[in-house]
């Protein structure tokens, strides 16, 4: 069962409140480690799940949010940004940059350049991390872009494609 509560991450809550965007925090019994698990437990379409990854590049770290129905495409990210080296940041680096563990990284990470995959903007809501285990941040994808000043690109591919 889910319920709405105040965000335990006060810094994130202050940022979202100051931006004037609507959001909800859903509390559940466990942390979802796969978008499929989150969609099933929350009763939403997989495409609305919005995992955020922290990537390491030659220009520095990036936060990247995609639809749960897709997977990251390093090739597309490299092409969109003119990069040569892109990889997932190690867990310790993710914790230093975001204050969260991989799997709980917030949809909004102040100070980190952010990319959002264009497919997520087709959804009415984005369900992603808020930096706290067993909590999900729900907000409009367009608000994620606005609050993070994200660049929007085609940076993912469908999970069903080979």
C-alpha atoms as a PDB file:
ATOM      1  CA  UNK A   1       0.000   0.000   0.000  1.00  0.00           C
ATOM      2  CA  UNK A   2       1.221   3.501  -0.733  1.00  0.00           C
ATOM      3  CA  UNK A   3       0.559   6.759   1.022  1.00  0.00           C
ATOM      4  CA  UNK A   4       1.588  10.358   0.628  1.00  0.00           C
ATOM      5  CA  UNK A   5       3.919  11.840   3.207  1.00  0.00           C
ATOM      6  CA  UNK A   6       6.348  14.698   3.661  1.00  0.00           C
ATOM      7  CA  UNK A   7       9.650  14.275   1.914  1.00  0.00           C
ATOM      8  CA  UNK A   8      12.327  13.093   4.346  1.00  0.00           C
ATOM      9  CA  UNK A   9      14.939  14.807   2.155  1.00  0.00           C
ATOM     10  CA  UNK A  10      14.384  18.410   3.337  1.00  0.00           C
ATOM     11  CA  UNK A  11      16.772  19.932   0.781  1.00  0.00           C
ATOM     12  CA  UNK A  12      14.910  18.312  -2.103  1.00  0.00           C
ATOM     13  CA  UNK A  13      11.533  19.259  -0.635  1.00  0.00           C
ATOM     14  CA  UNK A  14      12.628  22.907  -0.299  1.00  0.00           C
ATOM     15  CA  UNK A  15      13.835  22.947  -3.900  1.00  0.00           C
ATOM     16  CA  UNK A  16      10.591  21.483  -5.243  1.00  0.00           C
ATOM     17  CA  UNK A  17       8.463  23.815  -3.108  1.00  0.00           C
ATOM     18  CA  UNK A  18      10.474  26.856  -4.246  1.00  0.00           C
ATOM     19  CA  UNK A  19      10.017  25.786  -7.877  1.00  0.00           C
ATOM     20  CA  UNK A  20       6.252  25.707  -7.359  1.00  0.00           C
ATOM     21  CA  UNK A  21       5.792  22.283  -8.928  1.00  0.00           C
ATOM     22  CA  UNK A  22       3.293  19.665  -7.859  1.00  0.00           C
ATOM     23  CA  UNK A  23       4.749  16.461  -6.478  1.00  0.00           C
ATOM     24  CA  UNK A  24       3.845  13.557  -4.232  1.00  0.00           C
ATOM     25  CA  UNK A  25       5.945  11.260  -2.092  1.00  0.00           C
ATOM     26  CA  UNK A  26       4.700   7.698  -1.994  1.00  0.00           C
ATOM     27  CA  UNK A  27       5.837   5.450   0.856  1.00  0.00           C
ATOM     28  CA  UNK A  28       5.887   1.697   0.385  1.00  0.00           C
ATOM     29  CA  UNK A  29       7.157  -1.388   2.152  1.00  0.00           C
ATOM     30  CA  UNK A  30      10.331  -1.928   0.140  1.00  0.00           C
ATOM     31  CA  UNK A  31      12.759  -0.224  -2.194  1.00  0.00           C
ATOM     32  CA  UNK A  32      12.109  -1.081  -5.834  1.00  0.00           C
ATOM     33  CA  UNK A  33      15.317  -2.177  -7.551  1.00  0.00           C
ATOM     34  CA  UNK A  34      13.730  -2.637 -10.960  1.00  0.00           C
ATOM     35  CA  UNK A  35      11.309  -0.396 -12.826  1.00  0.00           C
ATOM     36  CA  UNK A  36       9.097  -3.439 -13.446  1.00  0.00           C
ATOM     37  CA  UNK A  37       8.747  -4.000  -9.685  1.00  0.00           C
ATOM     38  CA  UNK A  38       7.857  -0.362  -9.069  1.00  0.00           C
ATOM     39  CA  UNK A  39       5.249  -0.333 -11.840  1.00  0.00           C
ATOM     40  CA  UNK A  40       3.631  -3.526 -10.556  1.00  0.00           C
ATOM     41  CA  UNK A  41       3.558  -2.348  -6.934  1.00  0.00           C
ATOM     42  CA  UNK A  42       2.358   1.177  -7.704  1.00  0.00           C
ATOM     43  CA  UNK A  43      -0.156   0.029 -10.317  1.00  0.00           C
ATOM     44  CA  UNK A  44       1.212   2.299 -13.054  1.00  0.00           C
ATOM     45  CA  UNK A  45       2.473   1.761 -16.572  1.00  0.00           C
ATOM     46  CA  UNK A  46       6.125   0.749 -16.817  1.00  0.00           C
ATOM     47  CA  UNK A  47       6.796   3.740 -19.083  1.00  0.00           C
ATOM     48  CA  UNK A  48       5.987   6.092 -16.166  1.00  0.00           C
ATOM     49  CA  UNK A  49       8.738   4.662 -13.981  1.00  0.00           C
ATOM     50  CA  UNK A  50      11.714   7.023 -14.190  1.00  0.00           C
ATOM     51  CA  UNK A  51      15.039   5.665 -12.969  1.00  0.00           C
ATOM     52  CA  UNK A  52      17.862   8.183 -12.661  1.00  0.00           C
ATOM     53  CA  UNK A  53      21.430   7.083 -13.335  1.00  0.00           C
ATOM     54  CA  UNK A  54      24.621   8.929 -12.541  1.00  0.00           C
ATOM     55  CA  UNK A  55      27.122   8.690 -15.363  1.00  0.00           C
ATOM     56  CA  UNK A  56      30.809   9.454 -15.513  1.00  0.00           C
ATOM     57  CA  UNK A  57      32.059  11.285 -18.624  1.00  0.00           C
ATOM     58  CA  UNK A  58      35.200  13.130 -19.671  1.00  0.00           C
ATOM     59  CA  UNK A  59      33.302  16.386 -18.986  1.00  0.00           C
ATOM     60  CA  UNK A  60      32.244  15.333 -15.505  1.00  0.00           C
ATOM     61  CA  UNK A  61      29.238  13.584 -13.988  1.00  0.00           C
ATOM     62  CA  UNK A  62      25.736  13.618 -15.466  1.00  0.00           C
ATOM     63  CA  UNK A  63      22.355  12.676 -14.062  1.00  0.00           C
ATOM     64  CA  UNK A  64      20.291  10.838 -16.678  1.00  0.00           C
ATOM     65  CA  UNK A  65      16.594   9.993 -16.300  1.00  0.00           C
ATOM     66  CA  UNK A  66      14.839   7.624 -18.666  1.00  0.00           C
ATOM     67  CA  UNK A  67      11.492   5.866 -18.919  1.00  0.00           C
ATOM     68  CA  UNK A  68      11.292   2.490 -17.215  1.00  0.00           C
ATOM     69  CA  UNK A  69      10.247   0.953 -20.535  1.00  0.00           C
ATOM     70  CA  UNK A  70      13.659   1.814 -21.985  1.00  0.00           C
ATOM     71  CA  UNK A  71      17.337   1.248 -21.320  1.00  0.00           C
ATOM     72  CA  UNK A  72      20.200   3.709 -21.526  1.00  0.00           C
ATOM     73  CA  UNK A  73      22.003   3.955 -24.837  1.00  0.00           C
ATOM     74  CA  UNK A  74      25.590   5.033 -24.260  1.00  0.00           C
ATOM     75  CA  UNK A  75      25.967   5.349 -28.027  1.00  0.00           C
ATOM     76  CA  UNK A  76      23.102   7.870 -28.218  1.00  0.00           C
ATOM     77  CA  UNK A  77      24.383   9.823 -25.200  1.00  0.00           C
ATOM     78  CA  UNK A  78      27.853  10.040 -26.728  1.00  0.00           C
ATOM     79  CA  UNK A  79      26.422  11.205 -30.047  1.00  0.00           C
ATOM     80  CA  UNK A  80      24.021  13.768 -28.496  1.00  0.00           C
ATOM     81  CA  UNK A  81      26.743  15.389 -26.382  1.00  0.00           C
ATOM     82  CA  UNK A  82      29.827  14.734 -28.513  1.00  0.00           C
ATOM     83  CA  UNK A  83      31.409  12.550 -25.837  1.00  0.00           C
ATOM     84  CA  UNK A  84      33.898   9.719 -26.158  1.00  0.00           C
ATOM     85  CA  UNK A  85      33.693   8.132 -22.711  1.00  0.00           C
ATOM     86  CA  UNK A  86      30.451   7.410 -20.856  1.00  0.00           C
ATOM     87  CA  UNK A  87      29.969   4.860 -18.077  1.00  0.00           C
ATOM     88  CA  UNK A  88      27.934   4.329 -14.940  1.00  0.00           C
ATOM     89  CA  UNK A  89      29.501   6.047 -11.954  1.00  0.00           C
ATOM     90  CA  UNK A  90      30.582   3.677  -9.177  1.00  0.00           C
ATOM     91  CA  UNK A  91      28.339   3.478  -6.100  1.00  0.00           C
ATOM     92  CA  UNK A  92      30.700   5.480  -3.884  1.00  0.00           C
ATOM     93  CA  UNK A  93      30.817   8.305  -6.434  1.00  0.00           C
ATOM     94  CA  UNK A  94      27.013   8.261  -6.749  1.00  0.00           C
ATOM     95  CA  UNK A  95      26.725   8.623  -2.960  1.00  0.00           C
ATOM     96  CA  UNK A  96      29.143  11.576  -2.883  1.00  0.00           C
ATOM     97  CA  UNK A  97      27.404  13.346  -5.778  1.00  0.00           C
ATOM     98  CA  UNK A  98      23.791  12.744  -4.768  1.00  0.00           C
ATOM     99  CA  UNK A  99      23.750  11.700  -1.117  1.00  0.00           C
ATOM    100  CA  UNK A 100      21.908   8.547  -2.217  1.00  0.00           C
ATOM    101  CA  UNK A 101      22.690   4.976  -3.093  1.00  0.00           C
ATOM    102  CA  UNK A 102      22.191   3.685  -6.636  1.00  0.00           C
ATOM    103  CA  UNK A 103      18.559   2.630  -6.863  1.00  0.00           C
ATOM    104  CA  UNK A 104      17.352   5.535  -4.717  1.00  0.00           C
ATOM    105  CA  UNK A 105      18.844   8.468  -6.664  1.00  0.00           C
ATOM    106  CA  UNK A 106      16.365  11.338  -6.818  1.00  0.00           C
ATOM    107  CA  UNK A 107      14.694  12.573  -9.989  1.00  0.00           C
ATOM    108  CA  UNK A 108      16.119  16.003  -9.111  1.00  0.00           C
ATOM    109  CA  UNK A 109      19.834  16.407  -8.316  1.00  0.00           C
ATOM    110  CA  UNK A 110      20.768  20.067  -7.836  1.00  0.00           C
ATOM    111  CA  UNK A 111      24.134  20.994  -9.279  1.00  0.00           C
ATOM    112  CA  UNK A 112      24.386  18.030 -11.639  1.00  0.00           C
ATOM    113  CA  UNK A 113      23.910  18.531 -15.372  1.00  0.00           C
ATOM    114  CA  UNK A 114      20.846  16.470 -16.270  1.00  0.00           C
ATOM    115  CA  UNK A 115      19.578  14.681 -19.355  1.00  0.00           C
ATOM    116  CA  UNK A 116      16.031  13.367 -19.746  1.00  0.00           C
ATOM    117  CA  UNK A 117      15.025  10.949 -22.467  1.00  0.00           C
ATOM    118  CA  UNK A 118      12.342  12.336 -24.759  1.00  0.00           C
ATOM    119  CA  UNK A 119      10.135   9.251 -24.261  1.00  0.00           C
ATOM    120  CA  UNK A 120       9.560  10.138 -20.599  1.00  0.00           C
ATOM    121  CA  UNK A 121       7.910  13.415 -21.638  1.00  0.00           C
ATOM    122  CA  UNK A 122       5.148  11.401 -23.339  1.00  0.00           C
ATOM    123  CA  UNK A 123       3.986  10.211 -19.911  1.00  0.00           C
ATOM    124  CA  UNK A 124       1.577  12.005 -17.562  1.00  0.00           C
ATOM    125  CA  UNK A 125       3.746  11.294 -14.513  1.00  0.00           C
ATOM    126  CA  UNK A 126       7.266  10.242 -13.660  1.00  0.00           C
ATOM    127  CA  UNK A 127       7.813   7.953 -10.668  1.00  0.00           C
ATOM    128  CA  UNK A 128      11.410   7.954  -9.484  1.00  0.00           C
ATOM    129  CA  UNK A 129      13.692   8.095  -6.514  1.00  0.00           C
ATOM    130  CA  UNK A 130      13.883  10.803  -3.888  1.00  0.00           C
ATOM    131  CA  UNK A 131      17.107   9.678  -2.224  1.00  0.00           C
ATOM    132  CA  UNK A 132      15.367   7.629   0.465  1.00  0.00           C
ATOM    133  CA  UNK A 133      14.738   3.878   0.531  1.00  0.00           C
ATOM    134  CA  UNK A 134      11.112   2.751   0.162  1.00  0.00           C
ATOM    135  CA  UNK A 135       9.962   6.196  -1.046  1.00  0.00           C
ATOM    136  CA  UNK A 136       8.997   7.253  -4.562  1.00  0.00           C
ATOM    137  CA  UNK A 137       8.817  10.795  -5.899  1.00  0.00           C
ATOM    138  CA  UNK A 138       5.930  11.386  -8.322  1.00  0.00           C
ATOM    139  CA  UNK A 139       5.931  14.483 -10.502  1.00  0.00           C
ATOM    140  CA  UNK A 140       5.209  15.568 -14.060  1.00  0.00           C
ATOM    141  CA  UNK A 141       8.083  14.811 -16.461  1.00  0.00           C
ATOM    142  CA  UNK A 142       7.981  18.399 -17.780  1.00  0.00           C
ATOM    143  CA  UNK A 143       8.521  19.612 -14.202  1.00  0.00           C
ATOM    144  CA  UNK A 144      11.556  17.344 -13.867  1.00  0.00           C
ATOM    145  CA  UNK A 145      12.997  19.059 -16.941  1.00  0.00           C
ATOM    146  CA  UNK A 146      12.131  22.535 -15.634  1.00  0.00           C
ATOM    147  CA  UNK A 147      13.483  22.056 -12.116  1.00  0.00           C
ATOM    148  CA  UNK A 148      16.717  20.362 -13.243  1.00  0.00           C
ATOM    149  CA  UNK A 149      17.234  22.561 -16.336  1.00  0.00           C
ATOM    150  CA  UNK A 150      17.644  19.259 -18.166  1.00  0.00           C
ATOM    151  CA  UNK A 151      18.504  18.803 -21.783  1.00  0.00           C
ATOM    152  CA  UNK A 152      16.037  16.505 -23.549  1.00  0.00           C
ATOM    153  CA  UNK A 153      17.402  14.023 -26.070  1.00  0.00           C
ATOM    154  CA  UNK A 154      16.690  10.618 -27.550  1.00  0.00           C
ATOM    155  CA  UNK A 155      19.161   8.804 -25.271  1.00  0.00           C
ATOM    156  CA  UNK A 156      17.494   5.452 -24.705  1.00  0.00           C
ATOM    157  CA  UNK A 157      16.123   2.503 -26.595  1.00  0.00           C
ATOM    158  CA  UNK A 158      13.176   0.243 -26.003  1.00  0.00           C
ATOM    159  CA  UNK A 159      13.941  -2.721 -23.752  1.00  0.00           C
ATOM    160  CA  UNK A 160      12.380  -4.998 -26.365  1.00  0.00           C
ATOM    161  CA  UNK A 161      14.818  -3.917 -29.128  1.00  0.00           C
ATOM    162  CA  UNK A 162      18.028  -5.832 -29.633  1.00  0.00           C
END
